[in-house]
Amino acid sequence: MAESSGPQDEGTGSRRGRRPIRPDPGAGPVALLAHRLWELKEEAGDPSFADMAGRLGAAASKSSLAAAARGSALPSWETTWEFVRVLAVDRLGRDPERVRREWRRLWEQAQAGETADAMNEARMPDQPEPSQP
């Protein structure tokens, strides 16, 4: 069994361990939401996901927070809110109700976009339909 050479926290490039997986905001609605989460994280001083889940008091695990920022799948609203709350409200001192409304709207847009993308993929045939005579 291989031993880890150090912490593998997905924070910034200045930390030891894995480099963060940053989403392309043009890759779809979920990636755009994740990109906005990264921007908020950087604005709040770029704490590690471990710090967000531990010291800063987010009610979500560091792996859930990291997955939310990865942008490969839409996080639950609860995970998204904990990510945002601990940074925008607790760390940056913003109004909780205003922040909640703004981010809930962004999350719902990502959810609607993800649903629309899935429906479009389901409708797209793998092969072209035969032409009618």
N, C-alpha and C. Protein backbone atom coordinates (compact mmCIF):
# COMPACT_ATOMS: atom_id res chain seq x y z
N MET A 1 0.83 -1.18 0.00
CA MET A 1 0.00 0.00 0.00
C MET A 1 0.88 1.24 0.00
N ALA A 2 0.63 2.14 -0.93
CA ALA A 2 1.45 3.34 -1.05
C ALA A 2 1.04 4.36 -0.01
N GLU A 3 2.02 5.05 0.54
CA GLU A 3 1.73 6.09 1.52
C GLU A 3 1.65 7.43 0.82
N SER A 4 0.82 8.27 1.35
CA SER A 4 0.66 9.61 0.82
C SER A 4 1.87 10.44 1.23
N SER A 5 2.33 11.29 0.32
CA SER A 5 3.47 12.14 0.63
C SER A 5 3.06 13.43 1.33
N GLY A 6 1.78 13.63 1.54
CA GLY A 6 1.34 14.84 2.22
C GLY A 6 -0.15 15.03 2.02
N PRO A 7 -0.67 16.11 2.52
CA PRO A 7 -2.10 16.36 2.39
C PRO A 7 -2.50 16.49 0.93
N GLN A 8 -3.68 16.03 0.62
CA GLN A 8 -4.15 16.13 -0.75
C GLN A 8 -5.41 16.96 -0.80
N ASP A 9 -5.32 18.12 -0.24
CA ASP A 9 -6.44 19.05 -0.21
C ASP A 9 -6.51 19.74 -1.56
N GLU A 10 -7.73 19.86 -2.09
CA GLU A 10 -7.90 20.53 -3.36
C GLU A 10 -8.12 22.02 -3.12
N GLY A 11 -7.06 22.73 -2.89
CA GLY A 11 -7.14 24.17 -2.67
C GLY A 11 -6.54 24.88 -3.85
N THR A 12 -5.59 25.75 -3.59
CA THR A 12 -4.96 26.49 -4.67
C THR A 12 -3.67 25.81 -5.06
N GLY A 13 -3.05 26.28 -6.13
CA GLY A 13 -1.80 25.73 -6.60
C GLY A 13 -0.66 25.92 -5.62
N SER A 14 -0.79 26.84 -4.66
CA SER A 14 0.29 27.08 -3.70
C SER A 14 0.31 26.03 -2.59
N ARG A 15 -0.75 25.25 -2.49
CA ARG A 15 -0.80 24.21 -1.46
C ARG A 15 -0.22 22.91 -2.01
N ARG A 16 0.21 22.07 -1.10
CA ARG A 16 0.71 20.76 -1.49
C ARG A 16 -0.47 19.88 -1.88
N GLY A 17 -0.19 18.85 -2.66
CA GLY A 17 -1.24 17.91 -3.02
C GLY A 17 -1.72 18.12 -4.44
N ARG A 18 -2.90 17.59 -4.70
CA ARG A 18 -3.47 17.67 -6.04
C ARG A 18 -3.79 19.10 -6.41
N ARG A 19 -3.67 19.36 -7.70
CA ARG A 19 -4.07 20.67 -8.21
C ARG A 19 -5.59 20.67 -8.36
N PRO A 20 -6.22 21.81 -8.12
CA PRO A 20 -7.68 21.85 -8.22
C PRO A 20 -8.15 21.63 -9.65
N ILE A 21 -9.30 21.04 -9.76
CA ILE A 21 -9.94 20.84 -11.06
C ILE A 21 -10.90 22.01 -11.23
N ARG A 22 -10.54 22.93 -12.10
CA ARG A 22 -11.33 24.14 -12.29
C ARG A 22 -12.21 23.97 -13.53
N PRO A 23 -13.49 24.24 -13.40
CA PRO A 23 -14.40 24.07 -14.52
C PRO A 23 -14.29 25.19 -15.56
N ASP A 24 -14.60 24.84 -16.79
CA ASP A 24 -14.69 25.81 -17.87
C ASP A 24 -16.10 26.40 -17.82
N PRO A 25 -16.25 27.70 -17.58
CA PRO A 25 -17.59 28.27 -17.44
C PRO A 25 -18.43 28.13 -18.71
N GLY A 26 -17.81 27.88 -19.84
CA GLY A 26 -18.54 27.70 -21.08
C GLY A 26 -18.97 26.27 -21.32
N ALA A 27 -18.68 25.38 -20.39
CA ALA A 27 -18.96 23.96 -20.59
C ALA A 27 -20.39 23.57 -20.20
N GLY A 28 -21.19 24.52 -19.79
CA GLY A 28 -22.57 24.20 -19.44
C GLY A 28 -22.98 24.88 -18.15
N PRO A 29 -24.26 24.76 -17.82
CA PRO A 29 -24.79 25.48 -16.66
C PRO A 29 -24.21 25.04 -15.32
N VAL A 30 -23.90 23.77 -15.17
CA VAL A 30 -23.33 23.29 -13.90
C VAL A 30 -21.89 23.78 -13.77
N ALA A 31 -21.15 23.74 -14.86
CA ALA A 31 -19.77 24.24 -14.84
C ALA A 31 -19.74 25.75 -14.56
N LEU A 32 -20.71 26.47 -15.08
CA LEU A 32 -20.80 27.90 -14.82
C LEU A 32 -21.05 28.18 -13.34
N LEU A 33 -21.95 27.42 -12.73
CA LEU A 33 -22.20 27.56 -11.29
C LEU A 33 -20.91 27.27 -10.51
N ALA A 34 -20.23 26.20 -10.86
CA ALA A 34 -18.98 25.84 -10.18
C ALA A 34 -17.92 26.94 -10.35
N HIS A 35 -17.87 27.51 -11.54
CA HIS A 35 -16.94 28.61 -11.79
C HIS A 35 -17.24 29.78 -10.85
N ARG A 36 -18.52 30.08 -10.67
CA ARG A 36 -18.91 31.16 -9.76
C ARG A 36 -18.56 30.82 -8.31
N LEU A 37 -18.66 29.55 -7.94
CA LEU A 37 -18.24 29.12 -6.61
C LEU A 37 -16.75 29.37 -6.42
N TRP A 38 -15.94 29.06 -7.45
CA TRP A 38 -14.51 29.31 -7.38
C TRP A 38 -14.22 30.80 -7.20
N GLU A 39 -14.96 31.63 -7.95
CA GLU A 39 -14.75 33.08 -7.82
C GLU A 39 -15.05 33.55 -6.40
N LEU A 40 -16.12 33.05 -5.82
CA LEU A 40 -16.47 33.40 -4.44
C LEU A 40 -15.38 32.93 -3.48
N LYS A 41 -14.90 31.72 -3.68
CA LYS A 41 -13.86 31.16 -2.82
C LYS A 41 -12.60 32.02 -2.87
N GLU A 42 -12.22 32.45 -4.05
CA GLU A 42 -11.03 33.30 -4.19
C GLU A 42 -11.26 34.66 -3.53
N GLU A 43 -12.46 35.22 -3.71
CA GLU A 43 -12.78 36.51 -3.10
C GLU A 43 -12.72 36.44 -1.58
N ALA A 44 -13.05 35.28 -1.02
CA ALA A 44 -13.05 35.09 0.43
C ALA A 44 -11.68 34.67 0.97
N GLY A 45 -10.64 34.79 0.17
CA GLY A 45 -9.29 34.49 0.64
C GLY A 45 -8.82 33.10 0.30
N ASP A 46 -9.58 32.37 -0.49
CA ASP A 46 -9.23 31.03 -0.97
C ASP A 46 -8.88 30.04 0.14
N PRO A 47 -9.79 29.88 1.11
CA PRO A 47 -9.52 28.86 2.15
C PRO A 47 -9.58 27.46 1.54
N SER A 48 -8.92 26.52 2.15
CA SER A 48 -8.98 25.14 1.66
C SER A 48 -10.37 24.57 1.94
N PHE A 49 -10.72 23.52 1.22
CA PHE A 49 -12.00 22.87 1.47
C PHE A 49 -12.02 22.26 2.87
N ALA A 50 -10.88 21.79 3.34
CA ALA A 50 -10.80 21.25 4.71
C ALA A 50 -11.10 22.35 5.73
N ASP A 51 -10.56 23.55 5.52
CA ASP A 51 -10.85 24.67 6.42
C ASP A 51 -12.32 25.06 6.35
N MET A 52 -12.88 25.05 5.16
CA MET A 52 -14.29 25.40 5.01
C MET A 52 -15.17 24.43 5.79
N ALA A 53 -14.85 23.13 5.69
CA ALA A 53 -15.65 22.10 6.36
C ALA A 53 -15.36 22.01 7.85
N GLY A 54 -14.18 22.40 8.26
CA GLY A 54 -13.80 22.27 9.67
C GLY A 54 -13.85 23.59 10.39
N ARG A 55 -12.79 24.31 10.28
CA ARG A 55 -12.61 25.56 11.04
C ARG A 55 -13.68 26.60 10.75
N LEU A 56 -14.13 26.72 9.50
CA LEU A 56 -15.11 27.74 9.15
C LEU A 56 -16.55 27.29 9.36
N GLY A 57 -16.76 26.00 9.61
CA GLY A 57 -18.06 25.53 10.03
C GLY A 57 -19.09 25.17 8.98
N ALA A 58 -18.68 24.88 7.75
CA ALA A 58 -19.65 24.45 6.75
C ALA A 58 -20.20 23.08 7.15
N ALA A 59 -21.51 22.91 7.02
CA ALA A 59 -22.15 21.64 7.35
C ALA A 59 -22.14 20.72 6.14
N ALA A 60 -20.99 20.58 5.53
CA ALA A 60 -20.78 19.69 4.39
C ALA A 60 -19.33 19.22 4.47
N SER A 61 -19.07 18.04 3.94
CA SER A 61 -17.71 17.50 4.00
C SER A 61 -16.80 18.20 3.00
N LYS A 62 -15.50 18.13 3.24
CA LYS A 62 -14.57 18.77 2.30
C LYS A 62 -14.68 18.14 0.92
N SER A 63 -14.96 16.84 0.85
CA SER A 63 -15.10 16.21 -0.47
C SER A 63 -16.35 16.69 -1.19
N SER A 64 -17.44 16.94 -0.46
CA SER A 64 -18.66 17.48 -1.07
C SER A 64 -18.43 18.90 -1.58
N LEU A 65 -17.72 19.69 -0.80
CA LEU A 65 -17.42 21.06 -1.21
C LEU A 65 -16.52 21.08 -2.44
N ALA A 66 -15.53 20.20 -2.45
CA ALA A 66 -14.63 20.11 -3.61
C ALA A 66 -15.39 19.64 -4.85
N ALA A 67 -16.28 18.69 -4.68
CA ALA A 67 -17.08 18.20 -5.82
C ALA A 67 -17.98 19.30 -6.36
N ALA A 68 -18.53 20.13 -5.49
CA ALA A 68 -19.38 21.24 -5.93
C ALA A 68 -18.59 22.20 -6.81
N ALA A 69 -17.34 22.44 -6.45
CA ALA A 69 -16.49 23.36 -7.20
C ALA A 69 -15.92 22.73 -8.46
N ARG A 70 -15.99 21.42 -8.57
CA ARG A 70 -15.45 20.73 -9.74
C ARG A 70 -16.33 20.94 -10.96
N GLY A 71 -17.65 21.00 -10.76
CA GLY A 71 -18.55 21.31 -11.86
C GLY A 71 -18.91 20.15 -12.77
N SER A 72 -18.62 18.94 -12.36
CA SER A 72 -18.98 17.79 -13.21
C SER A 72 -20.39 17.30 -12.94
N ALA A 73 -20.95 17.64 -11.79
CA ALA A 73 -22.33 17.28 -11.45
C ALA A 73 -22.90 18.39 -10.58
N LEU A 74 -24.20 18.60 -10.69
CA LEU A 74 -24.84 19.64 -9.90
C LEU A 74 -24.88 19.20 -8.43
N PRO A 75 -24.30 20.02 -7.54
CA PRO A 75 -24.39 19.67 -6.12
C PRO A 75 -25.81 19.91 -5.61
N SER A 76 -26.15 19.31 -4.50
CA SER A 76 -27.45 19.59 -3.90
C SER A 76 -27.50 21.07 -3.51
N TRP A 77 -28.72 21.57 -3.35
CA TRP A 77 -28.86 22.94 -2.89
C TRP A 77 -28.22 23.09 -1.52
N GLU A 78 -28.36 22.10 -0.65
CA GLU A 78 -27.81 22.19 0.70
C GLU A 78 -26.29 22.34 0.68
N THR A 79 -25.62 21.56 -0.16
CA THR A 79 -24.16 21.66 -0.26
C THR A 79 -23.77 23.01 -0.85
N THR A 80 -24.49 23.43 -1.89
CA THR A 80 -24.21 24.74 -2.50
C THR A 80 -24.36 25.85 -1.47
N TRP A 81 -25.44 25.80 -0.69
CA TRP A 81 -25.68 26.84 0.30
C TRP A 81 -24.58 26.84 1.36
N GLU A 82 -24.15 25.68 1.82
CA GLU A 82 -23.09 25.65 2.83
C GLU A 82 -21.79 26.23 2.27
N PHE A 83 -21.47 25.92 1.03
CA PHE A 83 -20.30 26.48 0.36
C PHE A 83 -20.38 28.00 0.38
N VAL A 84 -21.53 28.52 -0.05
CA VAL A 84 -21.73 29.96 -0.17
C VAL A 84 -21.85 30.62 1.19
N ARG A 85 -22.63 30.03 2.08
CA ARG A 85 -22.86 30.63 3.40
C ARG A 85 -21.56 30.87 4.15
N VAL A 86 -20.72 29.85 4.20
CA VAL A 86 -19.51 29.96 5.00
C VAL A 86 -18.57 31.04 4.43
N LEU A 87 -18.63 31.26 3.12
CA LEU A 87 -17.75 32.25 2.51
C LEU A 87 -18.40 33.64 2.43
N ALA A 88 -19.56 33.71 1.79
CA ALA A 88 -20.18 35.02 1.55
C ALA A 88 -20.76 35.63 2.82
N VAL A 89 -21.38 34.82 3.65
CA VAL A 89 -22.04 35.35 4.85
C VAL A 89 -21.05 35.40 6.00
N ASP A 90 -20.48 34.26 6.37
CA ASP A 90 -19.62 34.20 7.55
C ASP A 90 -18.28 34.90 7.33
N ARG A 91 -17.66 34.69 6.19
CA ARG A 91 -16.32 35.22 5.97
C ARG A 91 -16.35 36.66 5.44
N LEU A 92 -17.26 36.94 4.49
CA LEU A 92 -17.30 38.26 3.86
C LEU A 92 -18.34 39.19 4.48
N GLY A 93 -19.17 38.67 5.37
CA GLY A 93 -20.12 39.51 6.10
C GLY A 93 -21.31 40.02 5.29
N ARG A 94 -21.69 39.30 4.26
CA ARG A 94 -22.81 39.74 3.44
C ARG A 94 -24.15 39.34 4.07
N ASP A 95 -25.21 40.01 3.64
CA ASP A 95 -26.56 39.76 4.14
C ASP A 95 -27.02 38.35 3.77
N PRO A 96 -27.35 37.51 4.76
CA PRO A 96 -27.69 36.11 4.49
C PRO A 96 -28.89 35.93 3.56
N GLU A 97 -29.95 36.71 3.75
CA GLU A 97 -31.14 36.53 2.91
C GLU A 97 -30.89 36.94 1.47
N ARG A 98 -30.19 38.02 1.30
CA ARG A 98 -29.87 38.47 -0.07
C ARG A 98 -28.96 37.46 -0.77
N VAL A 99 -27.96 37.00 -0.06
CA VAL A 99 -27.03 36.01 -0.63
C VAL A 99 -27.78 34.72 -0.95
N ARG A 100 -28.65 34.28 -0.06
CA ARG A 100 -29.41 33.04 -0.28
C ARG A 100 -30.28 33.16 -1.53
N ARG A 101 -30.98 34.28 -1.67
CA ARG A 101 -31.84 34.47 -2.85
C ARG A 101 -31.02 34.46 -4.14
N GLU A 102 -29.91 35.19 -4.14
CA GLU A 102 -29.07 35.28 -5.33
C GLU A 102 -28.53 33.91 -5.74
N TRP A 103 -27.97 33.17 -4.78
CA TRP A 103 -27.38 31.88 -5.09
C TRP A 103 -28.42 30.81 -5.37
N ARG A 104 -29.58 30.92 -4.75
CA ARG A 104 -30.65 29.96 -5.05
C ARG A 104 -31.09 30.13 -6.51
N ARG A 105 -31.18 31.39 -6.96
CA ARG A 105 -31.52 31.65 -8.35
C ARG A 105 -30.46 31.07 -9.28
N LEU A 106 -29.17 31.26 -8.97
CA LEU A 106 -28.10 30.70 -9.79
C LEU A 106 -28.16 29.17 -9.80
N TRP A 107 -28.41 28.57 -8.64
CA TRP A 107 -28.48 27.12 -8.54
C TRP A 107 -29.66 26.59 -9.37
N GLU A 108 -30.82 27.26 -9.28
CA GLU A 108 -31.99 26.83 -10.05
C GLU A 108 -31.76 26.97 -11.55
N GLN A 109 -31.03 28.01 -11.96
CA GLN A 109 -30.68 28.15 -13.38
C GLN A 109 -29.81 26.99 -13.83
N ALA A 110 -28.85 26.61 -13.00
CA ALA A 110 -27.98 25.47 -13.34
C ALA A 110 -28.79 24.19 -13.40
N GLN A 111 -29.71 24.02 -12.46
CA GLN A 111 -30.55 22.82 -12.44
C GLN A 111 -31.42 22.76 -13.70
N ALA A 112 -32.03 23.88 -14.06
CA ALA A 112 -32.88 23.93 -15.27
C ALA A 112 -32.04 23.67 -16.52
N GLY A 113 -30.85 24.23 -16.57
CA GLY A 113 -29.98 24.02 -17.72
C GLY A 113 -29.51 22.58 -17.83
N GLU A 114 -29.23 21.97 -16.68
CA GLU A 114 -28.81 20.56 -16.66
C GLU A 114 -29.95 19.67 -17.16
N THR A 115 -31.17 19.96 -16.73
CA THR A 115 -32.34 19.19 -17.16
C THR A 115 -32.55 19.35 -18.66
N ALA A 116 -32.44 20.58 -19.16
CA ALA A 116 -32.61 20.83 -20.59
C ALA A 116 -31.53 20.10 -21.39
N ASP A 117 -30.28 20.13 -20.91
CA ASP A 117 -29.19 19.43 -21.60
C ASP A 117 -29.47 17.93 -21.66
N ALA A 118 -29.95 17.36 -20.56
CA ALA A 118 -30.24 15.92 -20.52
C ALA A 118 -31.37 15.58 -21.48
N MET A 119 -32.38 16.43 -21.55
CA MET A 119 -33.50 16.18 -22.46
C MET A 119 -33.04 16.27 -23.91
N ASN A 120 -32.18 17.22 -24.22
CA ASN A 120 -31.66 17.34 -25.58
C ASN A 120 -30.82 16.13 -25.97
N GLU A 121 -30.01 15.65 -25.04
CA GLU A 121 -29.20 14.47 -25.32
C GLU A 121 -30.07 13.25 -25.55
N ALA A 122 -31.16 13.13 -24.80
CA ALA A 122 -32.06 11.99 -24.96
C ALA A 122 -32.78 12.04 -26.30
N ARG A 123 -33.02 13.23 -26.83
CA ARG A 123 -33.71 13.37 -28.11
C ARG A 123 -32.81 13.20 -29.30
N MET A 124 -31.52 13.41 -29.13
CA MET A 124 -30.60 13.35 -30.26
C MET A 124 -30.37 11.89 -30.64
N PRO A 125 -30.69 11.53 -31.89
CA PRO A 125 -30.46 10.15 -32.32
C PRO A 125 -28.97 9.89 -32.51
N ASP A 126 -28.59 8.65 -32.25
CA ASP A 126 -27.18 8.28 -32.45
C ASP A 126 -26.83 8.22 -33.92
N GLN A 127 -27.81 7.88 -34.74
CA GLN A 127 -27.58 7.76 -36.17
C GLN A 127 -28.61 8.61 -36.89
N PRO A 128 -28.26 9.11 -38.07
CA PRO A 128 -29.23 9.91 -38.80
C PRO A 128 -30.44 9.06 -39.20
N GLU A 129 -31.61 9.71 -39.19
CA GLU A 129 -32.82 8.99 -39.60
C GLU A 129 -32.78 8.80 -41.11
N PRO A 130 -33.34 7.67 -41.56
CA PRO A 130 -33.37 7.45 -43.02
C PRO A 130 -34.27 8.50 -43.68
N SER A 131 -33.88 8.90 -44.87
CA SER A 131 -34.68 9.92 -45.57
C SER A 131 -35.96 9.30 -46.10
N GLN A 132 -37.00 10.13 -46.15
CA GLN A 132 -38.29 9.69 -46.65
C GLN A 132 -38.31 9.80 -48.17
N PRO A 133 -38.92 8.82 -48.87
CA PRO A 133 -39.00 8.94 -50.34
C PRO A 133 -39.94 9.99 -50.81
